[in-house]
N, C-alpha and C. Protein backbone atom coordinates (compact mmCIF):
# COMPACT_ATOMS: atom_id res chain seq x y z
N MET A 1 0.77 -1.21 -0.07
CA MET A 1 0.02 0.06 -0.08
C MET A 1 1.09 1.38 0.25
N GLU A 2 1.96 1.08 0.90
CA GLU A 2 2.90 2.44 1.14
C GLU A 2 3.63 2.78 -0.36
N VAL A 3 4.01 1.70 -0.92
CA VAL A 3 4.91 1.86 -2.09
C VAL A 3 3.70 2.33 -3.16
N GLU A 4 2.57 1.80 -3.51
CA GLU A 4 1.55 2.25 -4.15
C GLU A 4 0.84 3.70 -4.18
N MET A 5 1.20 4.07 -2.82
CA MET A 5 0.59 5.56 -2.79
C MET A 5 1.86 6.54 -3.00
N TYR A 6 2.84 6.13 -2.50
CA TYR A 6 3.73 6.95 -2.94
C TYR A 6 4.02 6.96 -4.55
N THR A 7 3.97 5.81 -5.34
CA THR A 7 3.85 5.79 -6.51
C THR A 7 2.96 6.77 -7.70
N ASN A 8 1.85 6.61 -6.77
CA ASN A 8 0.40 7.54 -7.36
C ASN A 8 1.06 8.85 -7.24
N LEU A 9 1.57 9.29 -5.88
CA LEU A 9 1.87 11.03 -5.85
C LEU A 9 2.63 11.34 -7.13
N ILE A 10 3.74 10.55 -7.32
CA ILE A 10 5.45 10.73 -8.37
C ILE A 10 4.27 10.84 -9.72
N SER A 11 3.08 9.71 -9.85
CA SER A 11 2.49 9.84 -11.02
C SER A 11 1.70 11.30 -11.21
N ILE A 12 1.25 11.87 -10.47
CA ILE A 12 1.01 13.12 -10.68
C ILE A 12 1.85 14.13 -10.82
N VAL A 13 2.91 13.76 -10.36
CA VAL A 13 4.17 15.05 -10.94
C VAL A 13 4.55 14.44 -12.22
N ASN A 14 4.41 13.07 -12.58
CA ASN A 14 5.21 13.10 -14.03
C ASN A 14 4.22 13.37 -14.80
N THR A 15 2.62 13.20 -14.41
CA THR A 15 1.75 14.01 -15.44
C THR A 15 1.68 15.67 -15.60
N ARG A 16 2.42 16.06 -14.48
CA ARG A 16 2.18 17.60 -14.48
C ARG A 16 3.36 18.13 -15.47
N ILE A 17 4.55 17.33 -15.24
CA ILE A 17 5.69 17.38 -16.20
C ILE A 17 5.43 17.46 -17.70
N SER A 18 4.83 16.19 -17.80
CA SER A 18 4.35 15.92 -19.38
C SER A 18 3.56 16.74 -19.69
N THR A 19 2.39 17.39 -19.08
CA THR A 19 1.50 18.43 -19.38
C THR A 19 2.15 19.51 -19.75
N ILE A 20 2.99 19.71 -19.20
CA ILE A 20 4.19 20.97 -19.36
C ILE A 20 4.51 21.22 -20.67
N LYS A 21 5.29 19.58 -20.78
CA LYS A 21 5.92 19.39 -22.12
C LYS A 21 5.28 19.58 -23.32
N GLY A 22 3.93 19.57 -22.82
CA GLY A 22 3.08 19.23 -24.28
C GLY A 22 2.89 20.69 -24.49
N VAL A 23 2.88 22.20 -23.46
CA VAL A 23 3.02 23.36 -24.23
C VAL A 23 4.39 23.80 -24.64
N PHE A 24 5.41 23.43 -24.16
CA PHE A 24 6.71 23.53 -25.04
C PHE A 24 6.64 23.11 -26.07
N LYS A 25 5.77 21.82 -26.73
CA LYS A 25 5.64 21.45 -27.99
C LYS A 25 4.52 22.02 -28.84
N LYS A 26 3.79 23.03 -28.45
CA LYS A 26 2.73 23.80 -28.82
C LYS A 26 1.38 22.27 -29.25
N GLU A 27 1.46 21.76 -28.29
CA GLU A 27 0.31 20.33 -28.30
C GLU A 27 -0.67 21.22 -27.48
N ASN A 28 -0.66 21.92 -26.35
CA ASN A 28 -1.09 22.23 -25.73
C ASN A 28 -1.18 23.88 -25.40
N SER A 29 -2.30 24.69 -25.04
CA SER A 29 -1.87 25.91 -24.83
C SER A 29 -3.56 26.46 -24.14
N THR A 30 -2.95 28.03 -23.49
CA THR A 30 -4.31 28.40 -22.89
C THR A 30 -4.58 29.38 -24.18
N GLY A 31 -3.99 29.48 -25.03
CA GLY A 31 -4.15 30.25 -26.05
C GLY A 31 -3.33 31.90 -26.16
N PHE A 32 -2.66 32.13 -24.77
CA PHE A 32 -1.89 33.45 -24.51
C PHE A 32 -0.62 33.20 -24.33
N GLU A 33 0.35 33.51 -24.26
CA GLU A 33 1.68 33.38 -24.07
C GLU A 33 1.86 33.61 -22.71
N HIS A 34 1.34 34.57 -22.18
CA HIS A 34 1.54 35.28 -21.03
C HIS A 34 1.11 33.97 -19.86
N THR A 35 -0.24 33.74 -20.47
CA THR A 35 -0.99 32.71 -19.46
C THR A 35 -0.42 31.16 -19.46
N ASP A 36 0.37 30.86 -20.78
CA ASP A 36 0.59 29.68 -20.99
C ASP A 36 2.16 29.68 -19.61
N ILE A 37 2.79 30.77 -19.70
CA ILE A 37 3.98 30.61 -18.93
C ILE A 37 3.75 30.76 -17.70
N GLU A 38 2.29 31.44 -17.19
CA GLU A 38 1.98 31.33 -15.78
C GLU A 38 1.52 30.21 -15.36
N PHE A 39 0.59 29.20 -16.39
CA PHE A 39 0.32 27.89 -16.24
C PHE A 39 1.52 27.21 -15.73
N ILE A 40 2.56 27.33 -16.72
CA ILE A 40 3.77 26.41 -16.34
C ILE A 40 4.19 26.48 -15.13
N ALA A 41 4.51 28.11 -15.03
CA ALA A 41 5.09 28.12 -13.36
C ALA A 41 4.47 27.75 -12.62
N HIS A 42 3.12 27.46 -12.13
CA HIS A 42 1.91 26.99 -11.62
C HIS A 42 2.44 25.54 -11.23
N GLN A 43 2.38 25.06 -12.56
CA GLN A 43 2.66 23.32 -12.14
C GLN A 43 3.68 22.86 -11.38
N ILE A 44 5.01 23.94 -12.50
CA ILE A 44 6.07 23.63 -11.43
C ILE A 44 6.13 23.98 -10.00
N ILE A 45 5.81 25.04 -9.22
CA ILE A 45 5.43 25.13 -8.13
C ILE A 45 4.97 23.83 -7.50
N LEU A 46 3.80 23.57 -7.96
CA LEU A 46 2.88 22.06 -7.40
C LEU A 46 3.63 20.93 -7.39
N SER A 47 4.50 20.78 -8.65
CA SER A 47 5.27 19.44 -9.03
C SER A 47 6.41 19.46 -7.50
N LEU A 48 7.38 20.55 -7.66
CA LEU A 48 8.49 20.96 -6.70
C LEU A 48 7.39 20.32 -4.93
N GLU A 49 6.71 21.28 -4.88
CA GLU A 49 6.08 20.78 -3.62
C GLU A 49 5.92 19.22 -3.35
N LEU A 50 4.97 18.61 -4.48
CA LEU A 50 5.02 17.23 -3.82
C LEU A 50 6.20 16.30 -3.93
N ILE A 51 7.28 16.83 -4.74
CA ILE A 51 8.70 16.25 -4.73
C ILE A 51 9.26 16.28 -3.34
N ALA A 52 8.94 17.57 -2.95
CA ALA A 52 9.75 17.64 -1.46
C ALA A 52 8.66 17.09 -0.15
N LEU A 53 7.87 17.07 -0.82
CA LEU A 53 7.11 16.39 0.57
C LEU A 53 6.73 14.71 0.71
N GLY A 54 7.10 14.34 -0.63
CA GLY A 54 6.73 13.15 -1.06
C GLY A 54 7.71 11.95 0.13
N SER A 55 8.67 12.29 0.99
CA SER A 55 9.09 11.27 1.70
C SER A 55 8.19 10.95 2.89
N PHE A 56 7.18 12.37 3.04
CA PHE A 56 6.54 12.29 4.58
C PHE A 56 4.95 11.68 4.13
N ILE A 57 4.74 11.16 3.31
CA ILE A 57 3.42 10.91 2.58
C ILE A 57 2.49 9.79 3.72
N PHE A 58 3.72 8.89 4.33
CA PHE A 58 3.01 8.06 5.22
C PHE A 58 2.89 8.45 6.91
N ASN A 59 3.38 9.63 6.87
CA ASN A 59 2.99 10.52 8.39
C ASN A 59 1.79 11.54 8.00
N GLU A 60 0.87 11.34 8.14
CA GLU A 60 0.00 12.44 8.04
C GLU A 60 -0.06 13.50 8.53
N ASP A 61 0.20 14.05 9.88
CA ASP A 61 0.38 14.74 10.40
C ASP A 61 1.61 15.67 10.28
N GLU A 62 2.53 14.89 9.99
CA GLU A 62 3.76 15.91 9.80
C GLU A 62 3.99 16.41 8.29
N TYR A 63 3.21 15.46 7.54
CA TYR A 63 2.82 15.97 5.73
C TYR A 63 2.01 17.09 5.84
N SER A 64 0.65 17.44 6.93
CA SER A 64 0.06 18.38 6.82
C SER A 64 0.75 19.75 7.45
N ARG A 65 1.55 19.07 8.43
CA ARG A 65 2.43 20.63 8.73
C ARG A 65 3.57 21.06 7.89
N GLN A 66 3.93 20.32 7.26
CA GLN A 66 5.15 20.60 6.33
C GLN A 66 4.38 21.46 5.20
N LEU A 67 3.12 20.88 4.90
CA LEU A 67 2.14 21.43 3.58
C LEU A 67 1.89 22.90 3.90
N SER A 68 1.57 23.28 5.28
CA SER A 68 0.98 24.40 5.57
C SER A 68 2.05 25.39 5.79
N LYS A 69 3.20 24.93 6.08
CA LYS A 69 4.27 25.61 5.80
C LYS A 69 4.77 26.26 4.23
N PHE A 70 4.46 25.48 3.42
CA PHE A 70 4.70 25.74 2.05
C PHE A 70 3.33 26.95 1.86
N ARG A 71 2.50 26.69 2.45
CA ARG A 71 1.10 27.63 2.15
C ARG A 71 1.25 28.93 2.81
N SER A 72 2.05 29.16 3.91
CA SER A 72 2.22 30.48 4.70
C SER A 72 3.58 31.08 4.72
N SER A 73 4.79 30.44 4.38
CA SER A 73 5.76 30.82 4.37
C SER A 73 6.80 31.24 3.53
N ILE A 74 7.43 32.42 2.98
CA ILE A 74 8.12 32.98 1.94
C ILE A 74 9.41 32.28 1.97
N ASP A 75 10.10 31.83 2.72
CA ASP A 75 11.22 31.39 2.88
C ASP A 75 11.59 30.08 2.67
N ILE A 76 11.83 29.44 0.93
CA ILE A 76 11.91 28.14 1.04
C ILE A 76 13.25 27.52 1.09
N ILE A 77 14.12 28.11 1.84
CA ILE A 77 15.12 27.87 2.04
C ILE A 77 15.10 27.19 3.66
N GLU A 78 14.60 28.36 4.32
CA GLU A 78 13.76 27.47 5.65
C GLU A 78 13.03 26.15 5.53
N ILE A 79 11.93 26.27 4.84
CA ILE A 79 10.94 24.78 4.41
C ILE A 79 12.08 23.82 4.52
N LEU A 80 13.12 24.13 3.41
CA LEU A 80 13.73 22.74 2.51
C LEU A 80 14.87 22.10 3.88
N ASN A 81 15.43 23.55 4.89
CA ASN A 81 16.42 22.68 5.93
C ASN A 81 15.24 22.07 6.87
N ASP A 82 14.41 22.83 7.09
CA ASP A 82 12.99 21.58 8.27
C ASP A 82 13.25 20.56 7.88
N LEU A 83 12.66 20.05 6.57
CA LEU A 83 12.51 18.82 5.89
C LEU A 83 13.71 18.25 6.47
N ALA A 84 14.88 18.59 6.25
CA ALA A 84 16.14 17.97 6.04
C ALA A 84 16.66 17.84 7.36
N LEU A 85 15.87 18.32 8.61
CA LEU A 85 16.10 18.07 10.18
C LEU A 85 15.27 16.66 10.52
N LEU A 86 14.41 16.90 9.83
CA LEU A 86 13.32 15.72 9.95
C LEU A 86 13.72 14.45 9.38
N ASN A 87 13.72 14.47 8.12
CA ASN A 87 14.34 13.60 7.12
C ASN A 87 15.27 13.95 6.01
N PRO A 88 16.72 13.64 6.91
CA PRO A 88 17.78 14.07 5.87
C PRO A 88 17.83 13.48 4.50
N ASP A 89 17.11 12.64 4.14
CA ASP A 89 17.14 11.68 2.72
C ASP A 89 15.69 12.32 1.89
N PHE A 90 14.99 13.21 2.56
CA PHE A 90 13.73 13.47 1.78
C PHE A 90 13.88 13.78 0.30
N TYR A 91 15.01 14.22 -0.08
CA TYR A 91 14.84 14.66 -1.56
C TYR A 91 15.57 13.60 -2.11
N PRO A 92 14.55 13.61 -3.67
CA PRO A 92 15.22 12.49 -3.98
C PRO A 92 16.75 12.18 -5.04
N SER A 93 17.15 11.06 -4.87
CA SER A 93 18.70 10.71 -5.35
C SER A 93 18.66 10.41 -6.46
N PRO A 94 18.95 11.19 -7.81
CA PRO A 94 19.07 10.71 -8.72
C PRO A 94 19.85 9.71 -9.42
N ILE A 95 19.48 8.95 -10.04
CA ILE A 95 20.48 7.74 -10.78
C ILE A 95 20.56 7.90 -12.39
N MET A 96 21.44 7.28 -13.06
CA MET A 96 21.53 7.08 -14.17
C MET A 96 20.48 6.15 -14.82
N PRO A 97 19.92 6.27 -15.78
CA PRO A 97 19.02 4.95 -16.44
C PRO A 97 19.77 4.01 -16.24
N LEU A 98 18.88 3.13 -15.73
CA LEU A 98 19.31 1.58 -15.51
C LEU A 98 19.95 0.84 -16.81
N ILE A 99 21.11 0.36 -16.20
CA ILE A 99 21.81 -0.55 -17.64
C ILE A 99 21.52 -1.87 -16.58
N LYS A 100 21.82 -3.17 -17.69
CA LYS A 100 21.60 -4.35 -17.48
C LYS A 100 22.90 -4.39 -17.38
N GLY A 101 23.55 -5.15 -16.85
CA GLY A 101 25.25 -6.06 -16.61
C GLY A 101 24.77 -7.17 -16.78
N LYS A 102 25.83 -8.04 -16.71
CA LYS A 102 25.82 -9.44 -16.72
C LYS A 102 25.08 -10.02 -15.83
N ASN A 103 24.27 -11.22 -16.13
CA ASN A 103 23.60 -11.78 -15.75
C ASN A 103 22.19 -11.11 -14.79
N ASP A 104 22.03 -10.38 -15.65
CA ASP A 104 20.91 -9.34 -15.69
C ASP A 104 20.52 -8.64 -14.48
N ASN A 105 22.18 -8.54 -14.05
CA ASN A 105 22.01 -7.47 -12.88
C ASN A 105 21.98 -6.08 -13.10
N VAL A 106 21.17 -5.34 -12.53
CA VAL A 106 21.13 -3.92 -12.68
C VAL A 106 22.38 -3.39 -12.03
N ASN A 107 22.77 -2.07 -12.90
CA ASN A 107 23.70 -1.28 -12.25
C ASN A 107 23.51 0.18 -12.03
N MET A 108 23.65 0.53 -10.78
CA MET A 108 22.78 2.00 -10.06
C MET A 108 24.23 3.27 -10.13
N VAL A 109 23.88 3.97 -11.31
CA VAL A 109 25.29 4.95 -10.84
C VAL A 109 24.42 6.27 -10.66
N GLU A 110 24.96 7.06 -9.79
CA GLU A 110 24.53 8.25 -9.37
C GLU A 110 24.57 9.01 -10.27
N ARG A 111 23.83 9.99 -10.83
CA ARG A 111 23.76 11.07 -11.31
C ARG A 111 24.04 12.23 -11.14
N LYS A 112 25.30 13.01 -11.66
CA LYS A 112 26.26 13.76 -11.54
C LYS A 112 25.64 15.18 -11.67
N ASP A 113 25.01 14.93 -12.94
CA ASP A 113 24.69 16.34 -13.62
C ASP A 113 23.43 16.40 -14.21
N GLY A 114 22.82 17.13 -14.70
CA GLY A 114 21.39 17.06 -15.53
C GLY A 114 20.22 16.91 -14.78
N PHE A 115 20.15 17.21 -13.53
CA PHE A 115 18.96 17.29 -12.97
C PHE A 115 19.01 18.45 -11.87
N LEU A 116 17.66 18.73 -11.22
CA LEU A 116 17.50 19.64 -10.18
C LEU A 116 18.32 19.75 -8.97
N SER A 117 19.28 20.05 -8.65
CA SER A 117 19.35 20.01 -7.44
C SER A 117 18.58 20.78 -6.04
N ARG A 118 18.85 20.70 -5.03
CA ARG A 118 18.44 21.19 -4.04
C ARG A 118 18.37 22.87 -3.90
N VAL A 119 19.85 22.70 -4.44
CA VAL A 119 20.29 24.49 -4.39
C VAL A 119 19.23 25.43 -5.40
N GLU A 120 19.25 24.59 -6.70
CA GLU A 120 18.31 24.88 -7.72
C GLU A 120 17.04 25.06 -7.63
N PHE A 121 16.18 24.10 -7.06
CA PHE A 121 15.17 23.85 -6.23
C PHE A 121 14.84 25.49 -5.74
N VAL A 122 15.34 25.94 -4.94
CA VAL A 122 15.17 27.54 -4.36
C VAL A 122 15.11 27.90 -5.37
N THR A 123 16.00 28.60 -6.36
CA THR A 123 16.02 29.11 -7.33
C THR A 123 14.21 29.37 -8.05
N VAL A 124 14.38 27.75 -8.77
CA VAL A 124 13.19 27.59 -9.39
C VAL A 124 12.13 27.87 -8.88
N TYR A 125 11.94 27.36 -7.16
CA TYR A 125 10.61 27.90 -6.77
C TYR A 125 10.57 29.55 -6.61
N ASN A 126 11.59 30.00 -6.20
CA ASN A 126 11.32 31.17 -6.03
C ASN A 126 11.24 32.10 -7.54
N GLU A 127 11.83 31.91 -8.46
CA GLU A 127 11.35 32.43 -9.42
C GLU A 127 10.06 32.33 -10.18
N CYS A 128 9.30 30.97 -10.03
CA CYS A 128 8.19 30.68 -10.32
C CYS A 128 7.02 31.16 -9.63
N ARG A 129 7.48 31.43 -8.45
CA ARG A 129 6.65 31.94 -7.62
C ARG A 129 6.18 33.85 -7.93
N ARG A 130 6.78 34.09 -8.49
CA ARG A 130 6.81 35.67 -9.43
C ARG A 130 5.30 35.63 -9.96
N PHE A 131 5.13 34.72 -10.67
CA PHE A 131 3.87 34.44 -11.53
C PHE A 131 2.40 33.89 -10.42
N LEU A 132 2.55 33.85 -9.51
CA LEU A 132 1.44 33.74 -8.82
C LEU A 132 0.59 35.01 -8.72
N HIS A 133 1.38 35.78 -8.47
CA HIS A 133 0.38 37.33 -8.29
C HIS A 133 0.34 38.04 -9.51
N ALA A 134 -0.72 39.30 -9.41
CA ALA A 134 -0.58 40.24 -10.35
C ALA A 134 0.60 41.05 -10.25
N GLU A 135 0.92 41.40 -11.41
CA GLU A 135 1.98 42.73 -11.09
C GLU A 135 1.65 44.06 -10.39
N TYR A 136 2.47 44.71 -10.11
CA TYR A 136 2.42 46.41 -9.71
C TYR A 136 2.32 47.07 -10.72
N PRO A 137 1.30 47.61 -10.90
CA PRO A 137 0.97 48.52 -12.04
C PRO A 137 1.72 49.75 -12.28
N PHE A 138 2.72 50.22 -11.16
CA PHE A 138 3.40 51.44 -11.25
C PHE A 138 4.89 51.16 -11.48
N ASN A 139 4.93 49.70 -12.21
CA ASN A 139 6.48 49.86 -12.39
C ASN A 139 6.23 49.07 -13.89
N ASP A 140 7.53 48.58 -14.72
CA ASP A 140 7.44 48.10 -15.82
C ASP A 140 7.07 46.70 -16.21
N GLY A 141 6.83 46.12 -15.22
CA GLY A 141 6.20 44.73 -15.06
C GLY A 141 7.07 43.76 -15.32
N LEU A 142 6.78 42.46 -14.88
CA LEU A 142 7.49 41.61 -15.53
C LEU A 142 7.81 41.06 -16.87
N ASP A 143 9.29 41.09 -17.41
CA ASP A 143 9.24 40.71 -18.60
C ASP A 143 9.02 39.14 -19.34
N TYR A 144 8.24 38.82 -19.58
CA TYR A 144 7.71 37.13 -19.83
C TYR A 144 8.68 36.55 -20.38
N GLU A 145 9.35 37.42 -21.89
CA GLU A 145 10.03 36.71 -23.13
C GLU A 145 10.92 35.72 -22.60
N PRO A 146 11.92 36.08 -21.57
CA PRO A 146 13.06 34.94 -21.46
C PRO A 146 12.88 34.27 -20.16
N TYR A 147 11.29 33.96 -19.77
CA TYR A 147 10.93 32.85 -19.06
C TYR A 147 10.49 31.90 -19.65
N PHE A 148 10.11 31.58 -21.10
CA PHE A 148 9.82 30.42 -21.39
C PHE A 148 10.56 29.73 -21.81
N ILE A 149 12.06 30.41 -21.98
CA ILE A 149 12.97 29.49 -22.26
C ILE A 149 13.67 28.98 -20.75
N LYS A 150 14.04 29.98 -19.83
CA LYS A 150 13.89 29.39 -18.88
C LYS A 150 13.06 27.93 -18.09
N LEU A 151 12.00 28.27 -18.30
CA LEU A 151 11.12 27.41 -17.63
C LEU A 151 11.21 26.03 -18.08
N GLU A 152 11.95 26.37 -19.60
CA GLU A 152 11.98 24.88 -20.64
C GLU A 152 12.85 24.24 -19.83
N GLU A 153 14.00 24.76 -19.35
CA GLU A 153 15.52 24.40 -19.14
C GLU A 153 15.19 23.83 -17.78
N TRP A 154 14.09 24.82 -16.74
CA TRP A 154 13.69 23.77 -15.38
C TRP A 154 12.97 22.61 -15.89
N VAL A 155 12.21 22.80 -16.37
CA VAL A 155 11.19 21.56 -16.80
C VAL A 155 12.28 20.72 -17.05
N ASN A 156 13.05 20.45 -17.75
CA ASN A 156 14.03 19.43 -18.21
C ASN A 156 15.09 18.97 -16.72
N LEU A 157 15.29 20.00 -16.40
CA LEU A 157 16.41 19.68 -14.88
C LEU A 157 14.98 18.93 -14.01
N ILE A 158 13.95 19.42 -13.85
CA ILE A 158 12.96 18.10 -12.74
C ILE A 158 13.11 16.94 -13.32
N PHE A 159 12.57 16.97 -14.72
CA PHE A 159 12.76 15.46 -15.32
C PHE A 159 13.70 14.80 -15.04
N GLY A 160 15.42 15.31 -15.15
CA GLY A 160 16.51 15.07 -14.87
C GLY A 160 16.31 14.29 -13.61
N LEU A 161 15.76 15.05 -12.59
CA LEU A 161 15.96 14.56 -11.18
C LEU A 161 14.89 13.46 -10.86
N MET A 162 13.35 13.31 -11.87
CA MET A 162 12.93 12.36 -11.47
C MET A 162 12.66 11.26 -12.67
N GLU A 163 13.88 11.00 -13.55
CA GLU A 163 13.61 10.01 -14.63
C GLU A 163 13.90 8.68 -13.72
N VAL A 164 15.25 9.08 -13.14
CA VAL A 164 14.95 7.15 -12.51
C VAL A 164 15.92 8.04 -11.21
N PHE A 165 15.01 7.65 -10.00
CA PHE A 165 15.96 7.88 -8.62
C PHE A 165 15.17 6.87 -7.61
N THR A 166 16.43 7.28 -6.54
CA THR A 166 16.12 6.46 -5.25
C THR A 166 15.14 7.32 -4.18
N ILE A 167 14.47 7.62 -2.72
CA ILE A 167 14.06 7.88 -2.10
C ILE A 167 13.67 7.00 -0.33
N LYS A 168 14.31 7.84 0.45
CA LYS A 168 14.16 7.23 1.52
C LYS A 168 13.25 7.88 2.21
N PHE A 169 12.39 7.46 2.91
CA PHE A 169 11.00 7.86 3.84
C PHE A 169 11.28 8.28 5.23
N LEU A 170 10.44 9.02 5.95
CA LEU A 170 10.76 9.46 7.18
C LEU A 170 10.75 8.21 8.27
N ASN A 171 10.05 7.37 7.86
CA ASN A 171 9.43 6.12 8.72
C ASN A 171 10.97 5.12 8.32
N PRO A 172 11.87 4.88 8.90
CA PRO A 172 12.84 3.88 8.69
C PRO A 172 12.38 2.56 8.03
N ASP A 173 11.32 2.05 9.00
CA ASP A 173 10.85 0.52 8.74
C ASP A 173 10.32 0.64 7.28
N LEU A 174 9.83 1.76 6.56
CA LEU A 174 9.72 1.76 5.00
C LEU A 174 10.85 1.54 4.15
N PRO A 175 10.53 1.13 3.12
CA PRO A 175 11.46 0.70 2.06
C PRO A 175 12.23 1.51 1.31
N ILE A 176 13.41 1.43 0.68
CA ILE A 176 13.99 2.34 0.00
C ILE A 176 13.08 1.99 -1.65
N LEU A 177 12.79 3.11 -2.07
CA LEU A 177 12.36 2.79 -3.49
C LEU A 177 13.27 3.35 -4.49
N LEU A 178 13.14 2.47 -5.77
CA LEU A 178 13.32 3.08 -6.92
C LEU A 178 12.33 3.40 -7.80
N ILE A 179 12.25 4.45 -8.15
CA ILE A 179 11.28 5.13 -9.15
C ILE A 179 11.47 5.39 -10.25
N SER A 180 10.78 5.17 -11.46
CA SER A 180 11.06 5.61 -12.97
C SER A 180 9.85 6.25 -13.33
N CYS A 181 10.02 7.44 -14.41
CA CYS A 181 9.38 8.25 -14.68
C CYS A 181 9.45 8.46 -16.30
N ASP A 182 8.48 8.02 -17.25
CA ASP A 182 8.23 8.51 -18.18
C ASP A 182 7.67 9.72 -18.94
N THR A 183 8.13 10.46 -19.13
CA THR A 183 6.91 11.37 -19.39
C THR A 183 6.01 11.29 -20.94
N GLU A 184 6.78 10.70 -22.06
CA GLU A 184 6.16 9.99 -22.96
C GLU A 184 4.72 9.78 -23.15
N SER A 185 5.12 8.47 -22.22
CA SER A 185 3.78 7.42 -21.86
C SER A 185 3.20 8.28 -20.37
N GLY A 186 3.63 8.68 -19.61
CA GLY A 186 3.14 8.82 -18.37
C GLY A 186 3.52 8.00 -17.68
N GLU A 187 3.94 6.98 -17.91
CA GLU A 187 4.23 5.86 -16.92
C GLU A 187 5.08 6.00 -15.82
N THR A 188 4.76 5.50 -14.51
CA THR A 188 5.72 5.92 -13.32
C THR A 188 5.55 4.52 -12.98
N LYS A 189 6.72 4.04 -12.68
CA LYS A 189 7.31 2.55 -12.11
C LYS A 189 7.87 2.65 -10.60
N SER A 190 7.83 1.26 -9.61
CA SER A 190 8.21 1.66 -8.53
C SER A 190 8.46 0.34 -8.22
N LEU A 191 9.70 0.29 -7.88
CA LEU A 191 10.40 -1.09 -7.01
C LEU A 191 11.07 -1.17 -6.06
N ILE A 192 10.37 -2.00 -4.77
CA ILE A 192 11.48 -1.87 -3.57
C ILE A 192 12.76 -2.70 -3.79
N LEU A 193 13.67 -1.28 -3.43
CA LEU A 193 14.90 -1.92 -3.32
C LEU A 193 15.66 -2.14 -1.64
N ILE A 194 15.12 -2.08 -0.91
CA ILE A 194 15.75 -2.56 0.50
C ILE A 194 14.47 -2.40 1.43
N LYS A 195 14.47 -3.24 2.37
CA LYS A 195 13.43 -3.51 3.32
C LYS A 195 14.31 -3.12 4.65
N GLU A 196 14.42 -2.37 5.22
CA GLU A 196 15.34 -2.14 6.54
C GLU A 196 14.45 -2.70 7.97
């Protein structure tokens, strides 16, 4: 049940990322570039919150407490530090796409780049929050043009984080999971690696 619950949560993130990619490919649109950018930014925020809170999914009280911080706090660094104090392994550990070795053994290699790091998480989250509220009418406003490119880069980094990763949960009695996401098919798979 726990594995299925987490897999479903990540499947929601995978669907959000897939939908965003559809906007970049011009398969989906709100009909106006500014609202496309706002839509993408909002989906990124929701995806990042689910990624950050995912390891707490089996502790409803703690999940609710941490979610309320996202809704009320403006300091994402403080929130991530609080999450790390509770569960140092709350953030997904990306690995390279799986490669079968001799005797069908699977080799897992830590991904070194091409994914959204915790430091980049802060930047992306804060930049995307700029699109949640109307602009102050007495200044030049937000220049939307460069954000379309930035958003696409950030979505690719989020996909790099989620393509294949492991996650450890707040409760040490729960298994370590290996998760793989395919934004093309929308498929999310999970595998129990270690039962501690």
